[in-house]
Amino acid sequence: MTHYLIQLSYTAETWAVMVANPHDRAKAVEAALQKLGGTMERFWLSFGDYDVIGIVAMPDTVAAAAFSMAVAAGGACKTVKTTPLLSIQDGMEAMKKAATCGYQTAASHGNR
């Protein structure tokens, strides 16, 4: 399972509903994630650019994209951002592959 950082911002209308009738949206989120084969690790309300920050585990990128699309299509959020997260071990493996892939910058070729 791959982990993803979910960041979202509610619309003003959604905040009005939430303030008038405070409730925990985690159950609705968790049910949708489970239907896609994923799990909810943890969610927080936050201040700043995003109103909710969460970590989810999804079986693949298609499931993660489907979840993001469903949330965005619902209309309650004005911004939905999904970022894949690498474990430290996967990041180190990526670094090793990057070191041997042979990529050269334009600057390394001089002025041709």
N, C-alpha and C. Protein backbone atom coordinates (compact mmCIF):
# COMPACT_ATOMS: atom_id res chain seq x y z
N MET A 1 0.84 -1.18 0.00
CA MET A 1 0.00 0.00 0.00
C MET A 1 0.89 1.25 0.00
N THR A 2 0.51 2.20 -0.79
CA THR A 2 1.22 3.47 -0.86
C THR A 2 0.47 4.50 -0.03
N HIS A 3 1.22 5.34 0.65
CA HIS A 3 0.61 6.39 1.46
C HIS A 3 0.53 7.68 0.66
N TYR A 4 -0.51 8.45 0.94
CA TYR A 4 -0.74 9.72 0.27
C TYR A 4 -1.09 10.77 1.30
N LEU A 5 -0.59 11.98 1.08
CA LEU A 5 -0.99 13.14 1.85
C LEU A 5 -2.18 13.77 1.15
N ILE A 6 -3.28 13.92 1.87
CA ILE A 6 -4.47 14.56 1.32
C ILE A 6 -4.59 15.93 1.98
N GLN A 7 -4.73 16.97 1.17
CA GLN A 7 -4.92 18.33 1.67
C GLN A 7 -6.15 18.90 0.97
N LEU A 8 -7.06 19.46 1.75
CA LEU A 8 -8.24 20.04 1.12
C LEU A 8 -8.69 21.29 1.83
N SER A 9 -9.39 22.12 1.07
CA SER A 9 -9.97 23.35 1.59
C SER A 9 -11.46 23.32 1.31
N TYR A 10 -12.24 23.62 2.35
CA TYR A 10 -13.70 23.66 2.19
C TYR A 10 -14.12 24.96 1.54
N THR A 11 -15.29 24.93 0.89
CA THR A 11 -15.91 26.15 0.40
C THR A 11 -16.54 26.88 1.58
N ALA A 12 -16.86 28.15 1.40
CA ALA A 12 -17.53 28.92 2.45
C ALA A 12 -18.87 28.27 2.82
N GLU A 13 -19.57 27.76 1.81
CA GLU A 13 -20.86 27.12 2.05
C GLU A 13 -20.70 25.87 2.93
N THR A 14 -19.66 25.11 2.67
CA THR A 14 -19.41 23.90 3.47
C THR A 14 -19.09 24.28 4.90
N TRP A 15 -18.28 25.33 5.10
CA TRP A 15 -17.97 25.79 6.46
C TRP A 15 -19.24 26.22 7.17
N ALA A 16 -20.14 26.89 6.46
CA ALA A 16 -21.40 27.32 7.08
C ALA A 16 -22.20 26.12 7.59
N VAL A 17 -22.26 25.06 6.80
CA VAL A 17 -22.95 23.83 7.22
C VAL A 17 -22.25 23.20 8.41
N MET A 18 -20.93 23.13 8.36
CA MET A 18 -20.17 22.50 9.44
C MET A 18 -20.29 23.29 10.75
N VAL A 19 -20.31 24.61 10.66
CA VAL A 19 -20.45 25.44 11.87
C VAL A 19 -21.86 25.30 12.44
N ALA A 20 -22.86 25.27 11.57
CA ALA A 20 -24.25 25.14 12.03
C ALA A 20 -24.54 23.75 12.60
N ASN A 21 -23.84 22.73 12.08
CA ASN A 21 -24.07 21.37 12.51
C ASN A 21 -22.73 20.63 12.57
N PRO A 22 -21.93 20.89 13.61
CA PRO A 22 -20.61 20.25 13.69
C PRO A 22 -20.71 18.72 13.68
N HIS A 23 -19.93 18.12 12.85
CA HIS A 23 -19.88 16.66 12.81
C HIS A 23 -18.55 16.19 12.25
N ASP A 24 -18.22 14.96 12.59
CA ASP A 24 -16.96 14.35 12.18
C ASP A 24 -17.16 13.70 10.83
N ARG A 25 -16.47 14.18 9.81
CA ARG A 25 -16.60 13.65 8.45
C ARG A 25 -15.78 12.38 8.24
N ALA A 26 -15.05 11.96 9.26
CA ALA A 26 -14.15 10.81 9.12
C ALA A 26 -14.88 9.53 8.71
N LYS A 27 -16.08 9.31 9.22
CA LYS A 27 -16.82 8.09 8.88
C LYS A 27 -17.16 8.03 7.39
N ALA A 28 -17.58 9.14 6.83
CA ALA A 28 -17.90 9.19 5.39
C ALA A 28 -16.64 9.00 4.56
N VAL A 29 -15.56 9.62 4.99
CA VAL A 29 -14.29 9.49 4.28
C VAL A 29 -13.79 8.05 4.37
N GLU A 30 -13.86 7.49 5.56
CA GLU A 30 -13.36 6.13 5.77
C GLU A 30 -14.12 5.11 4.93
N ALA A 31 -15.44 5.26 4.84
CA ALA A 31 -16.25 4.32 4.05
C ALA A 31 -15.86 4.37 2.57
N ALA A 32 -15.65 5.58 2.05
CA ALA A 32 -15.26 5.71 0.63
C ALA A 32 -13.88 5.12 0.39
N LEU A 33 -12.95 5.38 1.31
CA LEU A 33 -11.61 4.82 1.17
C LEU A 33 -11.64 3.30 1.18
N GLN A 34 -12.40 2.72 2.10
CA GLN A 34 -12.48 1.26 2.20
C GLN A 34 -13.07 0.65 0.93
N LYS A 35 -14.05 1.32 0.37
CA LYS A 35 -14.66 0.81 -0.87
C LYS A 35 -13.65 0.78 -2.02
N LEU A 36 -12.66 1.66 -1.95
CA LEU A 36 -11.60 1.71 -2.96
C LEU A 36 -10.39 0.86 -2.57
N GLY A 37 -10.49 0.14 -1.46
CA GLY A 37 -9.41 -0.72 -1.02
C GLY A 37 -8.38 -0.03 -0.15
N GLY A 38 -8.68 1.19 0.29
CA GLY A 38 -7.74 1.96 1.09
C GLY A 38 -8.12 2.04 2.55
N THR A 39 -7.26 2.71 3.30
CA THR A 39 -7.52 2.94 4.72
C THR A 39 -7.15 4.37 5.09
N MET A 40 -7.79 4.87 6.11
CA MET A 40 -7.51 6.20 6.62
C MET A 40 -6.53 6.04 7.78
N GLU A 41 -5.38 6.65 7.65
CA GLU A 41 -4.40 6.60 8.75
C GLU A 41 -4.79 7.62 9.82
N ARG A 42 -4.92 8.89 9.40
CA ARG A 42 -5.26 9.94 10.35
C ARG A 42 -5.62 11.21 9.59
N PHE A 43 -6.55 12.00 10.15
CA PHE A 43 -6.93 13.29 9.59
C PHE A 43 -6.90 14.35 10.68
N TRP A 44 -6.57 15.57 10.29
CA TRP A 44 -6.55 16.70 11.22
C TRP A 44 -7.24 17.90 10.56
N LEU A 45 -7.89 18.72 11.36
CA LEU A 45 -8.30 20.05 10.91
C LEU A 45 -7.07 20.93 11.05
N SER A 46 -6.92 21.89 10.17
CA SER A 46 -5.73 22.73 10.21
C SER A 46 -6.08 24.17 9.84
N PHE A 47 -5.14 25.04 10.02
CA PHE A 47 -5.29 26.45 9.66
C PHE A 47 -4.36 26.73 8.49
N GLY A 48 -4.65 27.77 7.75
CA GLY A 48 -3.77 28.15 6.65
C GLY A 48 -4.39 27.84 5.31
N ASP A 49 -3.57 27.38 4.38
CA ASP A 49 -4.05 27.13 3.02
C ASP A 49 -5.03 25.98 2.93
N TYR A 50 -4.92 25.02 3.84
CA TYR A 50 -5.78 23.84 3.80
C TYR A 50 -6.54 23.71 5.12
N ASP A 51 -7.77 23.26 5.03
CA ASP A 51 -8.62 23.10 6.21
C ASP A 51 -8.51 21.72 6.81
N VAL A 52 -8.19 20.74 5.99
CA VAL A 52 -8.05 19.36 6.45
C VAL A 52 -6.77 18.78 5.84
N ILE A 53 -6.02 18.07 6.68
CA ILE A 53 -4.81 17.37 6.25
C ILE A 53 -4.99 15.91 6.67
N GLY A 54 -4.69 14.98 5.78
CA GLY A 54 -4.83 13.58 6.14
C GLY A 54 -3.79 12.70 5.48
N ILE A 55 -3.62 11.55 6.08
CA ILE A 55 -2.75 10.52 5.52
C ILE A 55 -3.63 9.30 5.25
N VAL A 56 -3.60 8.82 4.01
CA VAL A 56 -4.36 7.63 3.64
C VAL A 56 -3.41 6.62 3.01
N ALA A 57 -3.78 5.36 3.07
CA ALA A 57 -3.05 4.28 2.39
C ALA A 57 -3.96 3.75 1.30
N MET A 58 -3.46 3.68 0.10
CA MET A 58 -4.25 3.22 -1.04
C MET A 58 -3.50 2.11 -1.77
N PRO A 59 -4.25 1.18 -2.39
CA PRO A 59 -3.59 0.06 -3.07
C PRO A 59 -2.81 0.46 -4.32
N ASP A 60 -3.22 1.56 -4.96
CA ASP A 60 -2.54 1.99 -6.19
C ASP A 60 -2.92 3.42 -6.53
N THR A 61 -2.27 3.96 -7.56
CA THR A 61 -2.53 5.35 -7.94
C THR A 61 -3.92 5.55 -8.51
N VAL A 62 -4.47 4.54 -9.15
CA VAL A 62 -5.83 4.66 -9.70
C VAL A 62 -6.83 4.84 -8.56
N ALA A 63 -6.69 4.06 -7.49
CA ALA A 63 -7.59 4.19 -6.34
C ALA A 63 -7.41 5.56 -5.68
N ALA A 64 -6.17 6.02 -5.56
CA ALA A 64 -5.91 7.35 -4.97
C ALA A 64 -6.53 8.45 -5.83
N ALA A 65 -6.38 8.34 -7.14
CA ALA A 65 -6.97 9.33 -8.04
C ALA A 65 -8.49 9.29 -7.97
N ALA A 66 -9.06 8.10 -7.90
CA ALA A 66 -10.52 7.97 -7.80
C ALA A 66 -11.04 8.65 -6.54
N PHE A 67 -10.33 8.47 -5.41
CA PHE A 67 -10.75 9.11 -4.18
C PHE A 67 -10.69 10.63 -4.31
N SER A 68 -9.59 11.15 -4.85
CA SER A 68 -9.46 12.60 -5.04
C SER A 68 -10.53 13.14 -5.97
N MET A 69 -10.81 12.43 -7.03
CA MET A 69 -11.85 12.86 -7.97
C MET A 69 -13.22 12.89 -7.31
N ALA A 70 -13.52 11.86 -6.52
CA ALA A 70 -14.81 11.80 -5.83
C ALA A 70 -14.97 12.96 -4.87
N VAL A 71 -13.92 13.26 -4.11
CA VAL A 71 -13.98 14.38 -3.17
C VAL A 71 -14.14 15.70 -3.93
N ALA A 72 -13.36 15.89 -4.98
CA ALA A 72 -13.45 17.13 -5.76
C ALA A 72 -14.82 17.27 -6.43
N ALA A 73 -15.37 16.18 -6.93
CA ALA A 73 -16.65 16.22 -7.63
C ALA A 73 -17.82 16.48 -6.69
N GLY A 74 -17.62 16.22 -5.39
CA GLY A 74 -18.70 16.42 -4.43
C GLY A 74 -19.10 17.87 -4.24
N GLY A 75 -18.20 18.80 -4.55
CA GLY A 75 -18.52 20.21 -4.48
C GLY A 75 -18.34 20.87 -3.12
N ALA A 76 -18.03 20.11 -2.07
CA ALA A 76 -17.85 20.69 -0.74
C ALA A 76 -16.47 21.30 -0.56
N CYS A 77 -15.55 20.93 -1.44
CA CYS A 77 -14.18 21.42 -1.32
C CYS A 77 -13.83 22.29 -2.51
N LYS A 78 -13.10 23.36 -2.23
CA LYS A 78 -12.63 24.21 -3.33
C LYS A 78 -11.25 23.80 -3.81
N THR A 79 -10.50 23.07 -2.96
CA THR A 79 -9.18 22.58 -3.32
C THR A 79 -9.00 21.18 -2.77
N VAL A 80 -8.51 20.27 -3.61
CA VAL A 80 -8.15 18.92 -3.18
C VAL A 80 -6.78 18.63 -3.77
N LYS A 81 -5.83 18.30 -2.90
CA LYS A 81 -4.47 18.01 -3.35
C LYS A 81 -4.05 16.65 -2.79
N THR A 82 -3.57 15.78 -3.66
CA THR A 82 -3.14 14.44 -3.26
C THR A 82 -1.67 14.28 -3.64
N THR A 83 -0.84 13.96 -2.65
CA THR A 83 0.60 13.84 -2.87
C THR A 83 1.06 12.45 -2.46
N PRO A 84 1.67 11.69 -3.39
CA PRO A 84 2.21 10.38 -3.01
C PRO A 84 3.38 10.56 -2.04
N LEU A 85 3.47 9.67 -1.07
CA LEU A 85 4.55 9.72 -0.08
C LEU A 85 5.44 8.50 -0.24
N LEU A 86 6.74 8.70 -0.17
CA LEU A 86 7.70 7.60 -0.24
C LEU A 86 8.21 7.30 1.16
N SER A 87 8.35 6.03 1.45
CA SER A 87 9.02 5.66 2.70
C SER A 87 10.48 6.07 2.56
N ILE A 88 11.17 6.16 3.69
CA ILE A 88 12.59 6.48 3.64
C ILE A 88 13.34 5.45 2.80
N GLN A 89 12.99 4.17 2.97
CA GLN A 89 13.65 3.11 2.20
C GLN A 89 13.41 3.29 0.70
N ASP A 90 12.16 3.58 0.30
CA ASP A 90 11.87 3.79 -1.12
C ASP A 90 12.60 5.03 -1.64
N GLY A 91 12.68 6.07 -0.81
CA GLY A 91 13.40 7.28 -1.20
C GLY A 91 14.87 7.00 -1.43
N MET A 92 15.46 6.19 -0.55
CA MET A 92 16.87 5.83 -0.71
C MET A 92 17.09 5.00 -1.97
N GLU A 93 16.17 4.11 -2.26
CA GLU A 93 16.27 3.31 -3.48
C GLU A 93 16.17 4.22 -4.71
N ALA A 94 15.27 5.21 -4.65
CA ALA A 94 15.15 6.17 -5.75
C ALA A 94 16.45 6.96 -5.92
N MET A 95 17.06 7.35 -4.80
CA MET A 95 18.34 8.08 -4.88
C MET A 95 19.41 7.24 -5.54
N LYS A 96 19.47 5.96 -5.20
CA LYS A 96 20.47 5.06 -5.81
C LYS A 96 20.23 4.93 -7.31
N LYS A 97 18.97 4.80 -7.71
CA LYS A 97 18.66 4.71 -9.14
C LYS A 97 18.97 6.01 -9.85
N ALA A 98 18.68 7.14 -9.19
CA ALA A 98 18.97 8.45 -9.79
C ALA A 98 20.46 8.61 -10.05
N ALA A 99 21.28 8.10 -9.13
CA ALA A 99 22.73 8.22 -9.26
C ALA A 99 23.27 7.44 -10.44
N THR A 100 22.56 6.42 -10.89
CA THR A 100 23.08 5.57 -11.97
C THR A 100 22.27 5.63 -13.26
N CYS A 101 21.32 6.54 -13.35
CA CYS A 101 20.45 6.55 -14.55
C CYS A 101 21.09 7.23 -15.76
N GLY A 102 22.14 7.99 -15.55
CA GLY A 102 22.84 8.59 -16.68
C GLY A 102 22.29 9.94 -17.12
N TYR A 103 21.34 10.51 -16.40
CA TYR A 103 20.81 11.83 -16.79
C TYR A 103 21.89 12.89 -16.68
N GLN A 104 21.96 13.76 -17.69
CA GLN A 104 22.89 14.88 -17.68
C GLN A 104 22.11 16.16 -17.92
N THR A 105 22.45 17.19 -17.16
CA THR A 105 21.79 18.47 -17.34
C THR A 105 22.30 19.14 -18.61
N ALA A 106 21.55 20.12 -19.08
CA ALA A 106 21.98 20.89 -20.24
C ALA A 106 23.31 21.57 -19.96
N ALA A 107 23.51 22.02 -18.73
CA ALA A 107 24.75 22.70 -18.35
C ALA A 107 25.97 21.78 -18.45
N SER A 108 25.75 20.49 -18.28
CA SER A 108 26.89 19.57 -18.34
C SER A 108 27.36 19.32 -19.76
N HIS A 109 26.60 19.77 -20.75
CA HIS A 109 26.98 19.60 -22.15
C HIS A 109 27.67 20.85 -22.72
N GLY A 110 27.76 21.90 -21.93
CA GLY A 110 28.38 23.13 -22.42
C GLY A 110 27.44 23.85 -23.39
N ASN A 111 27.97 24.78 -24.13
CA ASN A 111 27.18 25.53 -25.11
C ASN A 111 27.33 24.91 -26.48
N ARG A 112 26.35 24.13 -26.87
CA ARG A 112 26.42 23.49 -28.19
C ARG A 112 25.53 24.17 -29.16
